[in-house]
Amino acid sequence: MVDISKLTAKDIGKRVKCIGANTGKAENGIIKSWNSAYVFVVYRCGNDWGNFRNYTACATKPEDLEF
């Protein structure tokens, strides 16, 4: 689980893994931002990870994420 209260600006661009609660499948992504409830993660960017900021992020529950 990622603890939102401990995220800092240094965590933007950090790789995470999401384990889908319904599917059990793991999906890799990069943290783009967060708010008090969700971490916004870019999962698909056509392997253009260096430009992840230019892609839409998905709101993800922090309990579904791990570093």
PDB file of N, CA and C in Angstrom:
ATOM      1  N   MET A   1       0.837  -1.185   0.000  1.00  0.00           N
ATOM      2  CA  MET A   1       0.000   0.000   0.000  1.00  0.00           C
ATOM      3  C   MET A   1       0.878   1.242   0.000  1.00  0.00           C
ATOM      4  N   VAL A   2       0.478   2.228  -0.764  1.00  0.00           N
ATOM      5  CA  VAL A   2       1.159   3.516  -0.774  1.00  0.00           C
ATOM      6  C   VAL A   2       0.433   4.425   0.216  1.00  0.00           C
ATOM      7  N   ASP A   3       1.170   5.038   1.111  1.00  0.00           N
ATOM      8  CA  ASP A   3       0.608   5.949   2.103  1.00  0.00           C
ATOM      9  C   ASP A   3       0.614   7.364   1.525  1.00  0.00           C
ATOM     10  N   ILE A   4      -0.556   7.863   1.134  1.00  0.00           N
ATOM     11  CA  ILE A   4      -0.659   9.188   0.514  1.00  0.00           C
ATOM     12  C   ILE A   4      -0.067  10.267   1.404  1.00  0.00           C
ATOM     13  N   SER A   5      -0.250  10.144   2.704  1.00  0.00           N
ATOM     14  CA  SER A   5       0.222  11.185   3.615  1.00  0.00           C
ATOM     15  C   SER A   5       1.743  11.307   3.629  1.00  0.00           C
ATOM     16  N   LYS A   6       2.433  10.300   3.124  1.00  0.00           N
ATOM     17  CA  LYS A   6       3.898  10.330   3.111  1.00  0.00           C
ATOM     18  C   LYS A   6       4.481  10.641   1.735  1.00  0.00           C
ATOM     19  N   LEU A   7       3.622  10.831   0.723  1.00  0.00           N
ATOM     20  CA  LEU A   7       4.132  11.155  -0.606  1.00  0.00           C
ATOM     21  C   LEU A   7       4.665  12.595  -0.625  1.00  0.00           C
ATOM     22  N   THR A   8       5.759  12.789  -1.365  1.00  0.00           N
ATOM     23  CA  THR A   8       6.350  14.113  -1.524  1.00  0.00           C
ATOM     24  C   THR A   8       6.582  14.352  -3.013  1.00  0.00           C
ATOM     25  N   ALA A   9       7.008  15.540  -3.351  1.00  0.00           N
ATOM     26  CA  ALA A   9       7.292  15.873  -4.753  1.00  0.00           C
ATOM     27  C   ALA A   9       8.305  14.912  -5.358  1.00  0.00           C
ATOM     28  N   LYS A  10       9.171  14.331  -4.546  1.00  0.00           N
ATOM     29  CA  LYS A  10      10.168  13.371  -5.038  1.00  0.00           C
ATOM     30  C   LYS A  10       9.530  12.071  -5.529  1.00  0.00           C
ATOM     31  N   ASP A  11       8.281  11.827  -5.155  1.00  0.00           N
ATOM     32  CA  ASP A  11       7.606  10.596  -5.573  1.00  0.00           C
ATOM     33  C   ASP A  11       6.965  10.708  -6.954  1.00  0.00           C
ATOM     34  N   ILE A  12       6.846  11.916  -7.491  1.00  0.00           N
ATOM     35  CA  ILE A  12       6.340  12.076  -8.845  1.00  0.00           C
ATOM     36  C   ILE A  12       7.345  11.433  -9.800  1.00  0.00           C
ATOM     37  N   GLY A  13       6.864  10.566 -10.652  1.00  0.00           N
ATOM     38  CA  GLY A  13       7.738   9.837 -11.566  1.00  0.00           C
ATOM     39  C   GLY A  13       8.208   8.499 -11.026  1.00  0.00           C
ATOM     40  N   LYS A  14       7.845   8.181  -9.805  1.00  0.00           N
ATOM     41  CA  LYS A  14       8.240   6.903  -9.208  1.00  0.00           C
ATOM     42  C   LYS A  14       7.365   5.790  -9.755  1.00  0.00           C
ATOM     43  N   ARG A  15       7.978   4.668 -10.034  1.00  0.00           N
ATOM     44  CA  ARG A  15       7.245   3.509 -10.561  1.00  0.00           C
ATOM     45  C   ARG A  15       6.494   2.793  -9.441  1.00  0.00           C
ATOM     46  N   VAL A  16       5.275   2.376  -9.777  1.00  0.00           N
ATOM     47  CA  VAL A  16       4.431   1.628  -8.855  1.00  0.00           C
ATOM     48  C   VAL A  16       3.817   0.450  -9.582  1.00  0.00           C
ATOM     49  N   LYS A  17       3.277  -0.464  -8.810  1.00  0.00           N
ATOM     50  CA  LYS A  17       2.560  -1.612  -9.359  1.00  0.00           C
ATOM     51  C   LYS A  17       1.179  -1.620  -8.728  1.00  0.00           C
ATOM     52  N   CYS A  18       0.170  -1.766  -9.570  1.00  0.00           N
ATOM     53  CA  CYS A  18      -1.212  -1.853  -9.108  1.00  0.00           C
ATOM     54  C   CYS A  18      -1.659  -3.306  -9.218  1.00  0.00           C
ATOM     55  N   ILE A  19      -2.182  -3.821  -8.119  1.00  0.00           N
ATOM     56  CA  ILE A  19      -2.759  -5.161  -8.124  1.00  0.00           C
ATOM     57  C   ILE A  19      -4.273  -4.981  -8.125  1.00  0.00           C
ATOM     58  N   GLY A  20      -4.907  -5.288  -9.241  1.00  0.00           N
ATOM     59  CA  GLY A  20      -6.353  -5.094  -9.374  1.00  0.00           C
ATOM     60  C   GLY A  20      -7.124  -5.938  -8.380  1.00  0.00           C
ATOM     61  N   ALA A  21      -7.979  -5.284  -7.615  1.00  0.00           N
ATOM     62  CA  ALA A  21      -8.765  -5.990  -6.601  1.00  0.00           C
ATOM     63  C   ALA A  21      -9.704  -7.010  -7.225  1.00  0.00           C
ATOM     64  N   ASN A  22     -10.248  -6.691  -8.387  1.00  0.00           N
ATOM     65  CA  ASN A  22     -11.206  -7.594  -9.024  1.00  0.00           C
ATOM     66  C   ASN A  22     -10.538  -8.650  -9.893  1.00  0.00           C
ATOM     67  N   THR A  23      -9.439  -8.265 -10.551  1.00  0.00           N
ATOM     68  CA  THR A  23      -8.819  -9.184 -11.496  1.00  0.00           C
ATOM     69  C   THR A  23      -7.608  -9.913 -10.936  1.00  0.00           C
ATOM     70  N   GLY A  24      -6.940  -9.302  -9.949  1.00  0.00           N
ATOM     71  CA  GLY A  24      -5.724  -9.889  -9.403  1.00  0.00           C
ATOM     72  C   GLY A  24      -4.519  -9.697 -10.304  1.00  0.00           C
ATOM     73  N   LYS A  25      -4.717  -9.033 -11.451  1.00  0.00           N
ATOM     74  CA  LYS A  25      -3.609  -8.783 -12.378  1.00  0.00           C
ATOM     75  C   LYS A  25      -2.794  -7.588 -11.913  1.00  0.00           C
ATOM     76  N   ALA A  26      -1.487  -7.664 -12.155  1.00  0.00           N
ATOM     77  CA  ALA A  26      -0.594  -6.556 -11.817  1.00  0.00           C
ATOM     78  C   ALA A  26      -0.397  -5.682 -13.046  1.00  0.00           C
ATOM     79  N   GLU A  27      -0.367  -4.369 -12.807  1.00  0.00           N
ATOM     80  CA  GLU A  27      -0.122  -3.430 -13.890  1.00  0.00           C
ATOM     81  C   GLU A  27       0.872  -2.390 -13.401  1.00  0.00           C
ATOM     82  N   ASN A  28       1.912  -2.146 -14.194  1.00  0.00           N
ATOM     83  CA  ASN A  28       2.932  -1.172 -13.831  1.00  0.00           C
ATOM     84  C   ASN A  28       2.541   0.215 -14.289  1.00  0.00           C
ATOM     85  N   GLY A  29       2.966   1.212 -13.516  1.00  0.00           N
ATOM     86  CA  GLY A  29       2.685   2.593 -13.871  1.00  0.00           C
ATOM     87  C   GLY A  29       3.647   3.540 -13.185  1.00  0.00           C
ATOM     88  N   ILE A  30       3.401   4.849 -13.388  1.00  0.00           N
ATOM     89  CA  ILE A  30       4.230   5.902 -12.810  1.00  0.00           C
ATOM     90  C   ILE A  30       3.313   6.930 -12.155  1.00  0.00           C
ATOM     91  N   ILE A  31       3.681   7.353 -10.944  1.00  0.00           N
ATOM     92  CA  ILE A  31       2.897   8.356 -10.227  1.00  0.00           C
ATOM     93  C   ILE A  31       3.007   9.704 -10.924  1.00  0.00           C
ATOM     94  N   LYS A  32       1.843  10.294 -11.199  1.00  0.00           N
ATOM     95  CA  LYS A  32       1.793  11.626 -11.806  1.00  0.00           C
ATOM     96  C   LYS A  32       1.412  12.681 -10.765  1.00  0.00           C
ATOM     97  N   SER A  33       0.464  12.338  -9.882  1.00  0.00           N
ATOM     98  CA  SER A  33       0.028  13.260  -8.833  1.00  0.00           C
ATOM     99  C   SER A  33      -0.837  12.489  -7.843  1.00  0.00           C
ATOM    100  N   TRP A  34      -1.408  13.216  -6.879  1.00  0.00           N
ATOM    101  CA  TRP A  34      -2.300  12.607  -5.899  1.00  0.00           C
ATOM    102  C   TRP A  34      -3.123  13.702  -5.244  1.00  0.00           C
ATOM    103  N   ASN A  35      -4.183  13.261  -4.572  1.00  0.00           N
ATOM    104  CA  ASN A  35      -4.970  14.149  -3.727  1.00  0.00           C
ATOM    105  C   ASN A  35      -5.184  13.423  -2.403  1.00  0.00           C
ATOM    106  N   SER A  36      -6.149  13.820  -1.620  1.00  0.00           N
ATOM    107  CA  SER A  36      -6.329  13.199  -0.308  1.00  0.00           C
ATOM    108  C   SER A  36      -6.891  11.781  -0.371  1.00  0.00           C
ATOM    109  N   ALA A  37      -7.427  11.381  -1.516  1.00  0.00           N
ATOM    110  CA  ALA A  37      -8.059  10.064  -1.621  1.00  0.00           C
ATOM    111  C   ALA A  37      -7.429   9.133  -2.642  1.00  0.00           C
ATOM    112  N   TYR A  38      -6.854   9.684  -3.712  1.00  0.00           N
ATOM    113  CA  TYR A  38      -6.359   8.855  -4.810  1.00  0.00           C
ATOM    114  C   TYR A  38      -4.948   9.244  -5.242  1.00  0.00           C
ATOM    115  N   VAL A  39      -4.263   8.249  -5.787  1.00  0.00           N
ATOM    116  CA  VAL A  39      -2.986   8.481  -6.457  1.00  0.00           C
ATOM    117  C   VAL A  39      -3.281   8.389  -7.948  1.00  0.00           C
ATOM    118  N   PHE A  40      -2.834   9.375  -8.711  1.00  0.00           N
ATOM    119  CA  PHE A  40      -3.077   9.392 -10.150  1.00  0.00           C
ATOM    120  C   PHE A  40      -1.852   8.805 -10.841  1.00  0.00           C
ATOM    121  N   VAL A  41      -2.093   7.695 -11.531  1.00  0.00           N
ATOM    122  CA  VAL A  41      -1.016   6.889 -12.099  1.00  0.00           C
ATOM    123  C   VAL A  41      -1.187   6.768 -13.603  1.00  0.00           C
ATOM    124  N   VAL A  42      -0.101   6.964 -14.330  1.00  0.00           N
ATOM    125  CA  VAL A  42      -0.085   6.735 -15.773  1.00  0.00           C
ATOM    126  C   VAL A  42       0.285   5.269 -15.975  1.00  0.00           C
ATOM    127  N   TYR A  43      -0.606   4.520 -16.606  1.00  0.00           N
ATOM    128  CA  TYR A  43      -0.369   3.099 -16.857  1.00  0.00           C
ATOM    129  C   TYR A  43       0.028   2.816 -18.301  1.00  0.00           C
ATOM    130  N   ARG A  44      -0.535   3.533 -19.211  1.00  0.00           N
ATOM    131  CA  ARG A  44      -0.270   3.255 -20.629  1.00  0.00           C
ATOM    132  C   ARG A  44       0.210   4.524 -21.319  1.00  0.00           C
ATOM    133  N   CYS A  45       1.376   4.420 -21.910  1.00  0.00           N
ATOM    134  CA  CYS A  45       1.912   5.580 -22.630  1.00  0.00           C
ATOM    135  C   CYS A  45       2.761   5.124 -23.807  1.00  0.00           C
ATOM    136  N   GLY A  46       2.468   3.965 -24.329  1.00  0.00           N
ATOM    137  CA  GLY A  46       3.173   3.462 -25.503  1.00  0.00           C
ATOM    138  C   GLY A  46       4.677   3.365 -25.303  1.00  0.00           C
ATOM    139  N   ASN A  47       5.091   2.980 -24.090  1.00  0.00           N
ATOM    140  CA  ASN A  47       6.517   2.883 -23.724  1.00  0.00           C
ATOM    141  C   ASN A  47       7.248   4.219 -23.821  1.00  0.00           C
ATOM    142  N   ASP A  48       6.510   5.308 -23.753  1.00  0.00           N
ATOM    143  CA  ASP A  48       7.079   6.659 -23.760  1.00  0.00           C
ATOM    144  C   ASP A  48       7.140   7.169 -22.315  1.00  0.00           C
ATOM    145  N   TRP A  49       7.700   6.356 -21.424  1.00  0.00           N
ATOM    146  CA  TRP A  49       7.702   6.637 -19.991  1.00  0.00           C
ATOM    147  C   TRP A  49       8.383   7.955 -19.648  1.00  0.00           C
ATOM    148  N   GLY A  50       9.346   8.364 -20.426  1.00  0.00           N
ATOM    149  CA  GLY A  50      10.036   9.626 -20.168  1.00  0.00           C
ATOM    150  C   GLY A  50       9.129  10.838 -20.307  1.00  0.00           C
ATOM    151  N   ASN A  51       8.026  10.671 -20.993  1.00  0.00           N
ATOM    152  CA  ASN A  51       7.058  11.750 -21.185  1.00  0.00           C
ATOM    153  C   ASN A  51       5.730  11.453 -20.496  1.00  0.00           C
ATOM    154  N   PHE A  52       5.774  10.722 -19.395  1.00  0.00           N
ATOM    155  CA  PHE A  52       4.543  10.299 -18.714  1.00  0.00           C
ATOM    156  C   PHE A  52       3.644  11.487 -18.351  1.00  0.00           C
ATOM    157  N   ARG A  53       4.225  12.662 -18.132  1.00  0.00           N
ATOM    158  CA  ARG A  53       3.421  13.840 -17.761  1.00  0.00           C
ATOM    159  C   ARG A  53       2.451  14.247 -18.874  1.00  0.00           C
ATOM    160  N   ASN A  54       2.712  13.828 -20.095  1.00  0.00           N
ATOM    161  CA  ASN A  54       1.860  14.188 -21.231  1.00  0.00           C
ATOM    162  C   ASN A  54       0.692  13.228 -21.427  1.00  0.00           C
ATOM    163  N   TYR A  55       0.557  12.244 -20.557  1.00  0.00           N
ATOM    164  CA  TYR A  55      -0.489  11.230 -20.692  1.00  0.00           C
ATOM    165  C   TYR A  55      -1.502  11.338 -19.558  1.00  0.00           C
ATOM    166  N   THR A  56      -2.693  10.862 -19.832  1.00  0.00           N
ATOM    167  CA  THR A  56      -3.765  10.878 -18.843  1.00  0.00           C
ATOM    168  C   THR A  56      -3.489   9.837 -17.771  1.00  0.00           C
ATOM    169  N   ALA A  57      -3.680  10.248 -16.528  1.00  0.00           N
ATOM    170  CA  ALA A  57      -3.482   9.346 -15.393  1.00  0.00           C
ATOM    171  C   ALA A  57      -4.831   8.814 -14.914  1.00  0.00           C
ATOM    172  N   CYS A  58      -4.778   7.688 -14.270  1.00  0.00           N
ATOM    173  CA  CYS A  58      -5.969   7.035 -13.740  1.00  0.00           C
ATOM    174  C   CYS A  58      -5.981   7.156 -12.220  1.00  0.00           C
ATOM    175  N   ALA A  59      -7.120   7.566 -11.652  1.00  0.00           N
ATOM    176  CA  ALA A  59      -7.263   7.623 -10.202  1.00  0.00           C
ATOM    177  C   ALA A  59      -7.219   6.198  -9.665  1.00  0.00           C
ATOM    178  N   THR A  60      -6.308   5.963  -8.743  1.00  0.00           N
ATOM    179  CA  THR A  60      -6.098   4.619  -8.204  1.00  0.00           C
ATOM    180  C   THR A  60      -6.115   4.667  -6.686  1.00  0.00           C
ATOM    181  N   LYS A  61      -6.792   3.717  -6.074  1.00  0.00           N
ATOM    182  CA  LYS A  61      -6.822   3.643  -4.605  1.00  0.00           C
ATOM    183  C   LYS A  61      -5.410   3.327  -4.114  1.00  0.00           C
ATOM    184  N   PRO A  62      -4.944   4.036  -3.098  1.00  0.00           N
ATOM    185  CA  PRO A  62      -3.581   3.792  -2.614  1.00  0.00           C
ATOM    186  C   PRO A  62      -3.379   2.394  -2.070  1.00  0.00           C
ATOM    187  N   GLU A  63      -4.435   1.777  -1.576  1.00  0.00           N
ATOM    188  CA  GLU A  63      -4.283   0.414  -1.046  1.00  0.00           C
ATOM    189  C   GLU A  63      -4.058  -0.616  -2.147  1.00  0.00           C
ATOM    190  N   ASP A  64      -4.307  -0.249  -3.398  1.00  0.00           N
ATOM    191  CA  ASP A  64      -4.074  -1.153  -4.522  1.00  0.00           C
ATOM    192  C   ASP A  64      -2.663  -0.997  -5.114  1.00  0.00           C
ATOM    193  N   LEU A  65      -1.880  -0.062  -4.555  1.00  0.00           N
ATOM    194  CA  LEU A  65      -0.548   0.224  -5.108  1.00  0.00           C
ATOM    195  C   LEU A  65       0.571  -0.237  -4.192  1.00  0.00           C
ATOM    196  N   GLU A  66       1.688  -0.569  -4.807  1.00  0.00           N
ATOM    197  CA  GLU A  66       2.916  -0.849  -4.045  1.00  0.00           C
ATOM    198  C   GLU A  66       4.100  -0.362  -4.862  1.00  0.00           C
ATOM    199  N   PHE A  67       5.152   0.031  -4.154  1.00  0.00           N
ATOM    200  CA  PHE A  67       6.377   0.483  -4.816  1.00  0.00           C
ATOM    201  C   PHE A  67       7.188  -0.696  -5.280  1.00  0.00           C
TER     202      PHE A  67
END
